[in-house]
N, C-alpha and C. Protein backbone atom coordinates (compact mmCIF):
# COMPACT_ATOMS: atom_id res chain seq x y z
N MET A 1 68.43 -21.82 11.48
CA MET A 1 67.11 -21.66 10.62
C MET A 1 66.23 -21.98 12.01
N GLU A 2 65.09 -21.56 11.95
CA GLU A 2 63.92 -21.86 12.63
C GLU A 2 62.67 -22.54 12.04
N LEU A 3 62.10 -23.38 12.69
CA LEU A 3 61.26 -24.24 12.48
C LEU A 3 60.19 -24.17 13.32
N LEU A 4 59.02 -24.04 12.55
CA LEU A 4 57.66 -23.76 13.39
C LEU A 4 56.88 -25.20 12.71
N LEU A 5 56.69 -25.84 13.86
CA LEU A 5 55.65 -27.03 13.57
C LEU A 5 54.63 -26.81 14.19
N ILE A 6 53.19 -26.83 13.58
CA ILE A 6 51.97 -26.22 13.99
C ILE A 6 50.67 -27.73 13.67
N ARG A 7 50.09 -27.79 14.74
CA ARG A 7 49.16 -28.66 14.60
C ARG A 7 47.78 -28.13 13.91
N HIS A 8 47.20 -28.52 13.44
CA HIS A 8 46.08 -28.12 12.66
C HIS A 8 45.14 -27.86 13.53
N ALA A 9 43.94 -27.05 13.19
CA ALA A 9 42.92 -26.35 13.96
C ALA A 9 41.72 -27.74 13.92
N LEU A 10 40.82 -27.36 14.97
CA LEU A 10 39.63 -28.71 15.07
C LEU A 10 38.96 -28.74 13.96
N PRO A 11 39.08 -30.00 13.49
CA PRO A 11 38.04 -30.65 12.37
C PRO A 11 36.83 -30.93 12.60
N VAL A 12 35.67 -31.33 11.97
CA VAL A 12 34.49 -31.98 12.50
C VAL A 12 34.71 -33.66 12.66
N ARG A 13 33.98 -34.19 13.33
CA ARG A 13 33.82 -35.59 13.29
C ARG A 13 33.39 -36.30 12.15
N ARG A 14 33.89 -36.90 11.86
CA ARG A 14 33.47 -38.07 10.48
C ARG A 14 33.74 -39.33 10.61
N GLU A 15 32.61 -40.26 10.40
CA GLU A 15 32.63 -41.76 10.37
C GLU A 15 32.07 -42.41 9.34
N LEU A 16 32.73 -42.91 8.56
CA LEU A 16 32.40 -43.42 7.21
C LEU A 16 32.47 -45.10 7.15
N THR A 17 31.33 -45.55 6.54
CA THR A 17 31.48 -47.22 6.68
C THR A 17 32.64 -47.32 5.40
N GLU A 18 33.11 -46.65 4.54
CA GLU A 18 33.98 -47.09 3.41
C GLU A 18 34.65 -45.53 3.17
N GLY A 19 35.86 -45.59 2.61
CA GLY A 19 36.77 -44.58 1.91
C GLY A 19 37.42 -43.89 2.97
N ARG A 20 38.10 -42.79 2.93
CA ARG A 20 38.78 -41.79 3.43
C ARG A 20 38.10 -40.66 4.41
N ALA A 21 37.98 -40.65 5.34
CA ALA A 21 37.34 -39.74 6.19
C ALA A 21 37.72 -38.09 5.78
N ASP A 22 38.85 -37.93 6.09
CA ASP A 22 39.76 -36.43 5.82
C ASP A 22 38.82 -35.46 5.94
N PRO A 23 38.34 -35.19 7.28
CA PRO A 23 37.43 -34.21 7.55
C PRO A 23 37.77 -32.81 7.18
N GLU A 24 36.94 -31.85 6.96
CA GLU A 24 37.33 -30.61 6.92
C GLU A 24 37.37 -29.65 8.50
N LEU A 25 37.76 -28.52 8.60
CA LEU A 25 37.65 -27.78 9.68
C LEU A 25 36.28 -27.45 10.00
N SER A 26 35.90 -27.62 11.32
CA SER A 26 34.78 -27.35 11.94
C SER A 26 34.84 -25.68 11.98
N GLU A 27 33.76 -25.00 12.32
CA GLU A 27 33.45 -23.45 12.38
C GLU A 27 34.53 -23.01 13.35
N ALA A 28 34.64 -23.72 14.49
CA ALA A 28 35.58 -23.07 15.45
C ALA A 28 36.97 -23.16 15.22
N GLY A 29 36.95 -24.41 14.21
CA GLY A 29 38.78 -24.76 13.54
C GLY A 29 39.01 -23.43 12.89
N HIS A 30 37.82 -23.07 11.94
CA HIS A 30 38.01 -21.91 10.85
C HIS A 30 38.83 -20.34 11.82
N HIS A 31 38.05 -20.42 12.92
CA HIS A 31 38.36 -19.26 13.96
C HIS A 31 39.66 -19.59 14.43
N GLN A 32 40.16 -20.64 14.79
CA GLN A 32 41.25 -20.84 15.31
C GLN A 32 42.47 -20.54 14.20
N ALA A 33 42.23 -21.12 13.34
CA ALA A 33 43.40 -20.87 11.87
C ALA A 33 43.46 -19.28 11.82
N GLN A 34 42.32 -18.66 11.82
CA GLN A 34 42.34 -17.09 11.72
C GLN A 34 43.25 -16.38 12.68
N HIS A 35 42.91 -16.85 14.01
CA HIS A 35 43.65 -16.28 14.98
C HIS A 35 45.29 -16.71 14.92
N LEU A 36 45.53 -17.61 14.73
CA LEU A 36 46.94 -18.01 14.13
C LEU A 36 47.43 -17.46 13.44
N ALA A 37 46.78 -16.98 11.92
CA ALA A 37 47.53 -16.25 11.10
C ALA A 37 47.95 -14.93 11.75
N THR A 38 46.91 -14.53 12.40
CA THR A 38 46.98 -12.86 12.79
C THR A 38 48.40 -12.86 13.85
N TYR A 39 48.52 -13.84 14.57
CA TYR A 39 49.13 -14.00 15.78
C TYR A 39 50.66 -14.18 14.98
N LEU A 40 50.67 -14.63 13.84
CA LEU A 40 52.28 -14.70 13.22
C LEU A 40 52.56 -13.63 12.49
N SER A 41 51.20 -13.02 12.01
CA SER A 41 51.67 -11.74 11.26
C SER A 41 52.46 -10.91 11.38
N ASN A 42 53.17 -10.98 12.49
CA ASN A 42 54.50 -9.98 12.34
C ASN A 42 55.69 -10.69 12.35
N GLU A 43 55.58 -12.18 12.20
CA GLU A 43 56.92 -12.67 12.02
C GLU A 43 57.15 -13.04 10.02
N ARG A 44 58.33 -12.93 9.74
CA ARG A 44 58.23 -13.20 8.42
C ARG A 44 58.85 -14.46 8.26
N LEU A 45 57.79 -15.56 7.33
CA LEU A 45 58.14 -16.67 7.20
C LEU A 45 58.64 -16.65 5.58
N HIS A 46 59.48 -17.56 5.35
CA HIS A 46 59.86 -17.79 3.97
C HIS A 46 59.20 -18.82 3.27
N ALA A 47 58.46 -19.96 3.84
CA ALA A 47 57.85 -20.97 3.05
C ALA A 47 56.97 -21.82 3.93
N ILE A 48 55.67 -22.01 3.60
CA ILE A 48 54.83 -22.80 4.32
C ILE A 48 54.48 -24.03 3.64
N TYR A 49 54.59 -25.42 4.73
CA TYR A 49 54.50 -26.52 4.04
C TYR A 49 52.77 -27.14 4.68
N ALA A 50 52.53 -27.92 4.40
CA ALA A 50 51.25 -28.50 5.00
C ALA A 50 50.83 -30.04 4.50
N SER A 51 50.65 -30.67 5.64
CA SER A 51 50.23 -32.04 4.86
C SER A 51 49.06 -32.09 3.75
N PRO A 52 48.85 -32.86 3.05
CA PRO A 52 47.64 -33.01 2.22
C PRO A 52 46.66 -33.14 2.67
N LEU A 53 46.34 -33.75 3.97
CA LEU A 53 45.08 -33.92 4.68
C LEU A 53 44.21 -32.26 4.58
N ARG A 54 43.06 -32.45 4.46
CA ARG A 54 42.00 -31.16 4.55
C ARG A 54 42.33 -30.36 5.60
N ARG A 55 42.34 -30.88 6.90
CA ARG A 55 42.26 -30.14 8.18
C ARG A 55 43.63 -29.36 7.91
N ALA A 56 44.76 -29.80 7.88
CA ALA A 56 45.73 -28.99 7.34
C ALA A 56 46.14 -28.05 6.51
N GLN A 57 45.50 -28.22 5.22
CA GLN A 57 45.51 -27.55 4.21
C GLN A 57 44.70 -26.37 4.47
N GLN A 58 43.40 -26.38 5.43
CA GLN A 58 42.74 -25.15 5.64
C GLN A 58 43.04 -24.50 6.65
N THR A 59 44.01 -25.28 7.54
CA THR A 59 44.77 -24.44 8.75
C THR A 59 45.60 -23.36 8.13
N ALA A 60 46.20 -24.01 7.08
CA ALA A 60 47.35 -23.15 6.67
C ALA A 60 46.92 -21.92 5.48
N GLN A 61 45.74 -22.07 5.02
CA GLN A 61 45.11 -21.02 4.33
C GLN A 61 45.54 -19.50 4.54
N PRO A 62 44.81 -19.16 5.94
CA PRO A 62 45.02 -17.82 6.19
C PRO A 62 46.20 -17.54 6.49
N LEU A 63 47.30 -18.39 7.24
CA LEU A 63 48.70 -17.97 7.46
C LEU A 63 49.13 -17.85 6.00
N ALA A 64 48.88 -18.39 4.94
CA ALA A 64 49.71 -18.42 3.64
C ALA A 64 49.24 -16.86 3.12
N ALA A 65 47.80 -16.43 3.38
CA ALA A 65 47.31 -15.44 2.89
C ALA A 65 48.02 -14.05 3.45
N VAL A 66 48.37 -14.08 4.91
CA VAL A 66 48.57 -13.30 5.64
C VAL A 66 50.07 -12.93 5.19
N GLN A 67 50.72 -14.17 5.22
CA GLN A 67 52.40 -13.98 4.79
C GLN A 67 52.25 -13.70 3.14
N GLY A 68 51.66 -13.95 2.21
CA GLY A 68 51.78 -13.66 0.60
C GLY A 68 52.63 -14.93 0.14
N LEU A 69 52.25 -16.11 0.97
CA LEU A 69 52.83 -17.28 0.48
C LEU A 69 52.07 -18.53 -0.13
N GLU A 70 52.85 -19.23 -0.99
CA GLU A 70 51.74 -20.36 -1.68
C GLU A 70 52.08 -21.45 -0.87
N ILE A 71 50.87 -22.32 -0.39
CA ILE A 71 51.12 -23.38 0.28
C ILE A 71 51.81 -24.38 -0.57
N MET A 72 52.66 -25.05 0.28
CA MET A 72 53.47 -26.51 -0.76
C MET A 72 53.09 -27.52 0.23
N THR A 73 52.53 -28.48 -0.58
CA THR A 73 51.95 -29.49 0.02
C THR A 73 53.14 -30.63 0.42
N GLU A 74 53.13 -31.35 1.41
CA GLU A 74 54.59 -32.05 1.87
C GLU A 74 53.54 -33.36 2.26
N ASP A 75 53.80 -34.39 1.36
CA ASP A 75 52.85 -35.72 1.78
C ASP A 75 53.69 -36.46 3.29
N GLY A 76 54.83 -36.53 3.15
CA GLY A 76 55.46 -36.89 4.48
C GLY A 76 55.20 -36.49 5.72
N VAL A 77 54.24 -35.46 5.97
CA VAL A 77 53.84 -34.83 6.98
C VAL A 77 52.50 -35.12 7.34
N ALA A 78 51.93 -36.18 6.40
CA ALA A 78 50.47 -36.73 7.05
C ALA A 78 50.37 -37.50 8.08
N GLU A 79 49.18 -37.52 8.81
CA GLU A 79 49.15 -38.41 9.85
C GLU A 79 49.36 -39.84 9.43
N TYR A 80 49.31 -40.51 10.63
CA TYR A 80 49.84 -42.16 10.85
C TYR A 80 48.42 -42.64 10.16
N ASP A 81 47.18 -42.20 10.60
CA ASP A 81 46.10 -42.96 10.20
C ASP A 81 45.46 -42.03 9.15
N ARG A 82 45.99 -41.45 8.17
CA ARG A 82 45.36 -40.79 6.94
C ARG A 82 44.59 -41.13 6.25
N ASP A 83 44.54 -42.70 6.00
CA ASP A 83 43.48 -43.32 5.21
C ASP A 83 42.38 -44.12 5.98
N SER A 84 42.39 -43.47 7.01
CA SER A 84 41.54 -44.13 8.10
C SER A 84 39.52 -43.71 7.74
N ASN A 85 38.83 -44.66 7.68
CA ASN A 85 37.49 -44.22 7.39
C ASN A 85 36.94 -43.53 8.50
N GLU A 86 37.51 -42.97 9.54
CA GLU A 86 36.85 -42.44 10.53
C GLU A 86 37.86 -41.35 11.36
N TYR A 87 37.31 -40.16 11.42
CA TYR A 87 37.87 -39.06 12.32
C TYR A 87 37.02 -38.91 13.52
N VAL A 88 37.66 -38.93 14.84
CA VAL A 88 36.81 -38.34 15.94
C VAL A 88 37.85 -37.57 16.61
N PRO A 89 37.36 -36.28 16.95
CA PRO A 89 38.68 -35.23 17.71
C PRO A 89 38.91 -36.36 19.00
N ILE A 90 40.01 -36.14 19.58
CA ILE A 90 40.73 -36.92 20.41
C ILE A 90 39.54 -36.36 21.63
N GLU A 91 38.98 -35.40 21.75
CA GLU A 91 38.66 -34.96 23.15
C GLU A 91 37.24 -35.66 23.36
N GLU A 92 36.49 -36.16 22.28
CA GLU A 92 35.17 -36.49 22.14
C GLU A 92 35.53 -37.97 22.58
N LEU A 93 36.89 -38.82 22.09
CA LEU A 93 36.99 -40.10 22.34
C LEU A 93 37.50 -40.11 24.00
N LYS A 94 38.11 -38.77 24.80
CA LYS A 94 38.28 -39.30 25.93
C LYS A 94 37.17 -39.12 26.74
N ALA A 95 36.40 -37.85 26.65
CA ALA A 95 35.02 -37.65 27.09
C ALA A 95 34.35 -39.09 27.62
N ALA A 96 34.19 -39.60 26.24
CA ALA A 96 33.30 -40.73 26.33
C ALA A 96 34.10 -42.07 26.82
N ASN A 97 35.32 -41.84 27.46
CA ASN A 97 36.13 -42.98 27.75
C ASN A 97 35.98 -44.28 26.59
N ASP A 98 36.27 -44.02 25.18
CA ASP A 98 36.13 -44.93 24.09
C ASP A 98 37.37 -45.79 24.08
N PRO A 99 37.22 -46.92 23.67
CA PRO A 99 38.35 -48.22 23.71
C PRO A 99 39.22 -47.52 23.04
N ARG A 100 39.23 -46.58 22.02
CA ARG A 100 40.18 -45.96 21.06
C ARG A 100 41.32 -45.35 21.97
N TRP A 101 40.51 -44.31 22.84
CA TRP A 101 41.20 -43.32 24.01
C TRP A 101 42.33 -44.22 24.52
N GLN A 102 41.66 -45.31 24.98
CA GLN A 102 42.38 -46.23 25.80
C GLN A 102 43.64 -46.77 25.29
N ALA A 103 43.38 -47.14 23.93
CA ALA A 103 44.40 -47.48 23.40
C ALA A 103 45.81 -46.91 22.83
N MET A 104 45.09 -45.46 22.55
CA MET A 104 46.19 -44.47 22.51
C MET A 104 46.94 -44.12 23.60
N LEU A 105 46.56 -44.21 24.83
CA LEU A 105 47.19 -43.89 25.96
C LEU A 105 47.97 -45.29 26.48
N ALA A 106 47.78 -46.27 25.86
CA ALA A 106 48.66 -47.52 26.21
C ALA A 106 49.46 -47.58 25.13
N GLY A 107 49.68 -46.82 23.96
CA GLY A 107 50.42 -46.95 22.91
C GLY A 107 49.97 -48.12 21.85
N ASP A 108 48.91 -48.72 21.95
CA ASP A 108 48.69 -49.82 21.48
C ASP A 108 48.06 -49.80 20.08
N TRP A 109 47.76 -48.31 19.76
CA TRP A 109 47.02 -48.17 18.46
C TRP A 109 48.00 -48.39 17.56
N GLN A 110 47.73 -49.45 16.51
CA GLN A 110 48.41 -49.30 15.51
C GLN A 110 47.75 -49.48 13.91
N ASN A 111 48.41 -48.86 12.87
CA ASN A 111 47.87 -48.93 11.39
C ASN A 111 48.37 -49.98 10.86
N PRO A 112 47.42 -50.66 10.19
CA PRO A 112 47.80 -52.08 9.73
C PRO A 112 48.40 -52.08 8.39
N ASP A 113 48.47 -50.55 7.71
CA ASP A 113 49.13 -50.60 6.49
C ASP A 113 50.63 -50.25 6.62
N ILE A 114 51.15 -49.57 7.68
CA ILE A 114 52.53 -49.13 7.93
C ILE A 114 52.85 -49.39 9.32
N PRO A 115 54.01 -49.93 9.63
CA PRO A 115 54.51 -50.38 11.12
C PRO A 115 55.01 -48.79 11.49
N ARG A 116 54.62 -48.29 12.65
CA ARG A 116 54.90 -47.21 13.27
C ARG A 116 56.07 -46.64 13.37
N ASP A 117 57.14 -47.40 13.50
CA ASP A 117 58.44 -47.10 13.42
C ASP A 117 58.96 -46.64 12.02
N GLU A 118 58.41 -47.30 11.29
CA GLU A 118 58.87 -46.89 9.79
C GLU A 118 58.42 -45.50 9.31
N TRP A 119 57.02 -45.39 10.09
CA TRP A 119 56.28 -44.13 9.68
C TRP A 119 57.24 -42.85 10.28
N GLU A 120 57.33 -43.18 11.52
CA GLU A 120 57.80 -42.10 12.46
C GLU A 120 59.58 -41.71 11.66
N ARG A 121 59.98 -42.63 11.02
CA ARG A 121 61.51 -42.56 10.60
C ARG A 121 61.49 -41.86 9.40
N ASN A 122 60.10 -42.14 8.45
CA ASN A 122 59.61 -41.21 7.40
C ASN A 122 59.38 -39.57 7.63
N VAL A 123 58.62 -39.41 8.90
CA VAL A 123 58.54 -38.01 9.47
C VAL A 123 59.41 -37.10 9.75
N VAL A 124 60.52 -37.86 10.35
CA VAL A 124 61.47 -37.10 10.88
C VAL A 124 62.36 -37.04 9.43
N ASP A 125 62.67 -38.10 8.87
CA ASP A 125 63.51 -37.92 7.19
C ASP A 125 62.76 -36.61 6.46
N THR A 126 61.41 -36.57 6.44
CA THR A 126 60.79 -35.62 5.71
C THR A 126 61.17 -33.95 6.21
N VAL A 127 61.02 -33.95 7.84
CA VAL A 127 61.23 -32.73 8.12
C VAL A 127 62.57 -32.40 8.34
N GLU A 128 63.64 -33.31 8.24
CA GLU A 128 64.89 -32.87 8.24
C GLU A 128 65.11 -32.57 6.67
N ARG A 129 64.70 -32.61 5.68
CA ARG A 129 64.80 -32.45 4.27
C ARG A 129 64.46 -30.90 3.93
N LEU A 130 63.28 -30.63 4.66
CA LEU A 130 62.93 -29.23 4.92
C LEU A 130 63.87 -28.42 5.41
N VAL A 131 64.09 -28.64 6.58
CA VAL A 131 65.07 -28.05 7.40
C VAL A 131 66.23 -27.53 6.60
N GLU A 132 66.74 -28.64 5.66
CA GLU A 132 68.03 -28.52 5.03
C GLU A 132 67.92 -27.51 3.81
N ALA A 133 66.56 -27.47 3.32
CA ALA A 133 66.25 -26.79 2.24
C ALA A 133 66.06 -25.34 2.56
N HIS A 134 66.12 -24.95 3.70
CA HIS A 134 66.11 -23.54 4.09
C HIS A 134 66.93 -23.32 5.33
N PRO A 135 68.33 -23.19 4.78
CA PRO A 135 69.21 -22.29 5.69
C PRO A 135 69.07 -21.05 6.20
N SER A 136 69.02 -20.73 7.13
CA SER A 136 68.93 -19.23 7.78
C SER A 136 67.80 -18.51 7.72
N GLN A 137 66.78 -19.46 7.54
CA GLN A 137 65.24 -19.36 7.42
C GLN A 137 64.23 -19.27 8.41
N LYS A 138 63.32 -18.78 7.97
CA LYS A 138 61.90 -19.31 9.19
C LYS A 138 60.90 -19.96 8.38
N ILE A 139 60.31 -21.34 8.58
CA ILE A 139 59.42 -22.02 7.94
C ILE A 139 58.45 -22.54 8.64
N ALA A 140 57.24 -22.62 8.10
CA ALA A 140 55.99 -23.36 9.05
C ALA A 140 55.91 -24.63 8.44
N VAL A 141 55.49 -25.35 9.23
CA VAL A 141 54.96 -26.90 8.39
C VAL A 141 53.66 -27.39 9.30
N VAL A 142 52.69 -27.16 8.69
CA VAL A 142 51.08 -27.54 9.36
C VAL A 142 51.13 -28.89 9.11
N CYS A 143 50.90 -29.40 10.23
CA CYS A 143 50.66 -31.24 10.48
C CYS A 143 49.74 -31.60 11.25
N HIS A 144 50.09 -32.70 12.07
CA HIS A 144 49.19 -33.22 13.03
C HIS A 144 49.81 -33.66 14.14
N GLY A 145 48.91 -34.09 15.20
CA GLY A 145 49.74 -34.34 16.54
C GLY A 145 50.80 -35.65 16.67
N GLY A 146 50.24 -36.60 15.77
CA GLY A 146 51.23 -37.66 15.54
C GLY A 146 52.53 -37.20 15.20
N VAL A 147 52.84 -36.27 14.06
CA VAL A 147 53.84 -35.77 13.48
C VAL A 147 54.63 -35.40 14.26
N LEU A 148 53.70 -34.19 15.27
CA LEU A 148 54.49 -33.69 16.19
C LEU A 148 55.13 -34.38 17.23
N SER A 149 54.40 -35.33 17.62
CA SER A 149 55.02 -36.35 18.74
C SER A 149 56.42 -37.08 18.26
N ALA A 150 56.12 -37.57 16.86
CA ALA A 150 57.56 -38.15 16.37
C ALA A 150 58.84 -37.44 16.21
N TYR A 151 58.70 -35.99 15.30
CA TYR A 151 59.73 -35.40 15.52
C TYR A 151 60.19 -34.78 16.85
N LEU A 152 59.44 -34.31 17.63
CA LEU A 152 59.86 -33.72 18.95
C LEU A 152 60.45 -34.87 19.90
N GLY A 153 59.87 -36.21 19.72
CA GLY A 153 60.50 -37.43 20.25
C GLY A 153 61.82 -37.63 20.06
N TRP A 154 61.96 -37.80 18.64
CA TRP A 154 63.46 -37.63 17.88
C TRP A 154 64.49 -36.96 18.40
N VAL A 155 63.91 -35.50 18.42
CA VAL A 155 64.74 -34.55 18.96
C VAL A 155 65.12 -34.63 20.19
N LEU A 156 64.20 -35.19 21.37
CA LEU A 156 64.47 -35.21 22.67
C LEU A 156 65.31 -36.90 23.29
N LYS A 157 65.05 -37.53 21.98
CA LYS A 157 65.59 -39.03 22.31
C LYS A 157 64.52 -39.79 23.02
N VAL A 158 63.25 -39.53 22.93
CA VAL A 158 62.30 -40.31 23.73
C VAL A 158 62.28 -41.78 23.12
N PRO A 159 62.27 -42.72 24.02
CA PRO A 159 62.27 -43.88 23.65
C PRO A 159 60.86 -44.49 22.59
N ASP A 160 59.67 -44.01 23.33
CA ASP A 160 58.47 -44.12 22.78
C ASP A 160 57.68 -43.16 22.63
N SER A 161 57.83 -42.33 21.46
CA SER A 161 56.96 -41.15 21.36
C SER A 161 55.52 -40.96 20.96
N GLN A 162 54.85 -41.99 21.04
CA GLN A 162 53.58 -41.94 20.26
C GLN A 162 52.75 -41.17 21.28
N SER A 163 52.74 -41.39 22.76
CA SER A 163 51.85 -40.52 23.60
C SER A 163 52.30 -39.77 24.62
N PHE A 164 54.00 -39.17 24.39
CA PHE A 164 54.55 -38.57 25.40
C PHE A 164 53.94 -37.09 25.56
N PHE A 165 53.33 -36.93 24.88
CA PHE A 165 52.92 -35.29 25.14
C PHE A 165 51.72 -35.05 24.44
N TYR A 166 50.99 -34.08 24.64
CA TYR A 166 49.40 -33.62 23.76
C TYR A 166 49.95 -32.45 23.26
N PRO A 167 49.57 -32.39 21.94
CA PRO A 167 49.63 -30.74 21.28
C PRO A 167 48.27 -30.19 21.09
N ASN A 168 48.17 -28.99 21.71
CA ASN A 168 46.76 -28.28 21.24
C ASN A 168 46.63 -27.92 19.75
N TYR A 169 45.62 -27.64 19.75
CA TYR A 169 45.08 -27.40 18.02
C TYR A 169 45.76 -25.98 17.76
N THR A 170 46.22 -25.64 16.76
CA THR A 170 47.06 -24.43 16.31
C THR A 170 48.19 -24.34 17.40
N SER A 171 48.51 -25.14 18.16
CA SER A 171 49.72 -25.13 18.80
C SER A 171 50.91 -25.02 17.91
N ILE A 172 51.93 -23.97 18.46
CA ILE A 172 53.26 -23.70 17.66
C ILE A 172 54.38 -24.61 18.45
N HIS A 173 55.02 -25.18 17.62
CA HIS A 173 56.47 -26.06 18.12
C HIS A 173 57.57 -25.56 17.64
N ARG A 174 58.58 -24.67 18.07
CA ARG A 174 59.75 -24.04 17.73
C ARG A 174 60.82 -24.79 17.98
N ILE A 175 61.44 -24.79 16.79
CA ILE A 175 62.68 -25.79 16.97
C ILE A 175 63.99 -24.88 16.08
N ALA A 176 64.78 -24.73 16.77
CA ALA A 176 66.34 -24.02 16.31
C ALA A 176 66.83 -25.16 15.80
N ALA A 177 67.31 -25.04 14.26
CA ALA A 177 68.14 -25.94 13.65
C ALA A 177 69.30 -25.56 13.21
N ALA A 178 70.53 -26.13 13.82
CA ALA A 178 71.71 -25.60 13.22
C ALA A 178 72.28 -26.40 12.13
N ARG A 179 73.11 -25.85 11.53
CA ARG A 179 73.78 -26.69 10.28
C ARG A 179 74.56 -27.70 10.93
N SER A 180 75.10 -27.41 11.78
CA SER A 180 75.99 -28.67 12.71
C SER A 180 75.34 -29.83 12.88
N GLY A 181 73.70 -29.53 12.88
CA GLY A 181 72.86 -30.78 12.89
C GLY A 181 72.49 -30.75 14.65
N GLU A 182 72.67 -29.83 15.07
CA GLU A 182 72.14 -29.73 16.73
C GLU A 182 70.53 -29.12 16.37
N ARG A 183 69.83 -29.82 17.33
CA ARG A 183 68.45 -29.25 17.30
C ARG A 183 68.08 -29.19 18.64
N SER A 184 67.45 -27.60 18.66
CA SER A 184 66.89 -27.08 20.19
C SER A 184 65.56 -26.55 20.07
N ILE A 185 64.84 -27.12 21.15
CA ILE A 185 63.35 -27.05 21.16
C ILE A 185 63.18 -25.62 21.86
N LEU A 186 62.65 -24.84 21.26
CA LEU A 186 62.43 -23.05 21.86
C LEU A 186 61.12 -23.04 22.26
N THR A 187 60.22 -23.94 21.85
CA THR A 187 58.60 -23.67 22.38
C THR A 187 58.07 -24.77 22.21
N VAL A 188 57.10 -25.28 23.30
CA VAL A 188 56.05 -26.19 22.86
C VAL A 188 54.84 -25.70 23.39
N ASN A 189 53.75 -26.15 22.49
CA ASN A 189 52.48 -25.96 22.68
C ASN A 189 51.98 -24.46 23.10
N GLU A 190 52.40 -23.50 22.03
CA GLU A 190 52.33 -22.38 22.14
C GLU A 190 50.96 -21.87 21.56
N THR A 191 50.09 -21.52 22.56
CA THR A 191 49.00 -21.25 22.08
C THR A 191 48.32 -19.89 22.79
N PHE A 192 49.10 -18.89 22.60
CA PHE A 192 48.77 -17.46 23.26
C PHE A 192 47.65 -16.92 22.13
N HIS A 193 47.75 -17.13 20.77
CA HIS A 193 46.40 -16.42 20.23
C HIS A 193 45.40 -17.10 20.31
N LEU A 194 45.00 -18.20 21.08
CA LEU A 194 43.51 -18.68 21.68
C LEU A 194 43.39 -18.08 22.96
N ARG A 195 44.17 -17.67 23.84
CA ARG A 195 43.71 -16.99 25.23
C ARG A 195 42.55 -15.90 24.85
N GLY A 196 41.51 -16.25 25.70
CA GLY A 196 40.58 -14.97 25.73
C GLY A 196 39.53 -14.95 24.70
N THR A 197 39.60 -16.01 23.61
CA THR A 197 38.77 -16.25 22.40
C THR A 197 37.59 -16.95 22.70
N GLY A 198 37.64 -18.04 23.77
CA GLY A 198 36.43 -18.81 23.83
C GLY A 198 36.57 -19.69 23.26
N LEU A 199 37.63 -19.87 22.32
CA LEU A 199 37.77 -21.07 21.35
C LEU A 199 38.64 -22.45 22.15
N PRO A 200 37.93 -23.48 21.60
CA PRO A 200 38.38 -24.73 22.06
C PRO A 200 40.10 -24.74 21.88
N THR A 201 41.01 -25.36 22.50
CA THR A 201 42.47 -25.26 22.60
C THR A 201 42.65 -27.12 22.22
N GLY A 202 41.93 -28.13 23.12
CA GLY A 202 42.31 -29.32 23.16
C GLY A 202 41.88 -29.93 24.16
N LEU A 203 42.70 -31.05 24.77
CA LEU A 203 42.37 -31.44 26.14
C LEU A 203 42.85 -30.43 27.49
N TYR A 204 43.91 -29.64 26.89
CA TYR A 204 44.40 -28.98 28.09
C TYR A 204 44.82 -27.59 27.46
N LYS A 205 43.79 -26.70 28.38
CA LYS A 205 43.96 -25.23 27.66
C LYS A 205 45.02 -24.74 27.74
N GLY A 206 45.46 -23.56 26.61
CA GLY A 206 46.34 -22.66 26.55
C GLY A 206 46.48 -21.52 27.65
């Protein structure tokens, strides 16, 4: 089967004094999501899953409409900091040389509510369960940068996957998954659909 792991589109910045930030997509993010859906319109998907967070759900909506599929919400691919009261796009943190950006680079940022290794194991278990549920099919999972790092790091056997690569917005990461248990990465950071659009891709242009 073929697994498409897709990072969400660009969300707005949101910083609250309390409660979950859970931002929606920015105007650019909605355009990114539409280009993603158009790009994948010639491929037949058998199922579309998405994190429960708004930025993932809204990214998946145009794709689901084009494919004629319902979005199935999967809690196990929500981001590590899902309950945070702030969301600042990583590009803004980098531009300001924010201490949070430095902590991410050093791998020191931690969620006090759940150990990182426990969260990563849950991500891998969740994605593997979805793979097993769709033999000989092609599915898309719209998720987050941390989820991508966790799963691809597991496939590549990277010791510390927290910041080993940067996934662009609406980037597609294709994995071939064999029934024998073999996992082969076919593409990483596939963002052809954003080229020439003038839309932001992330830290590194596609």
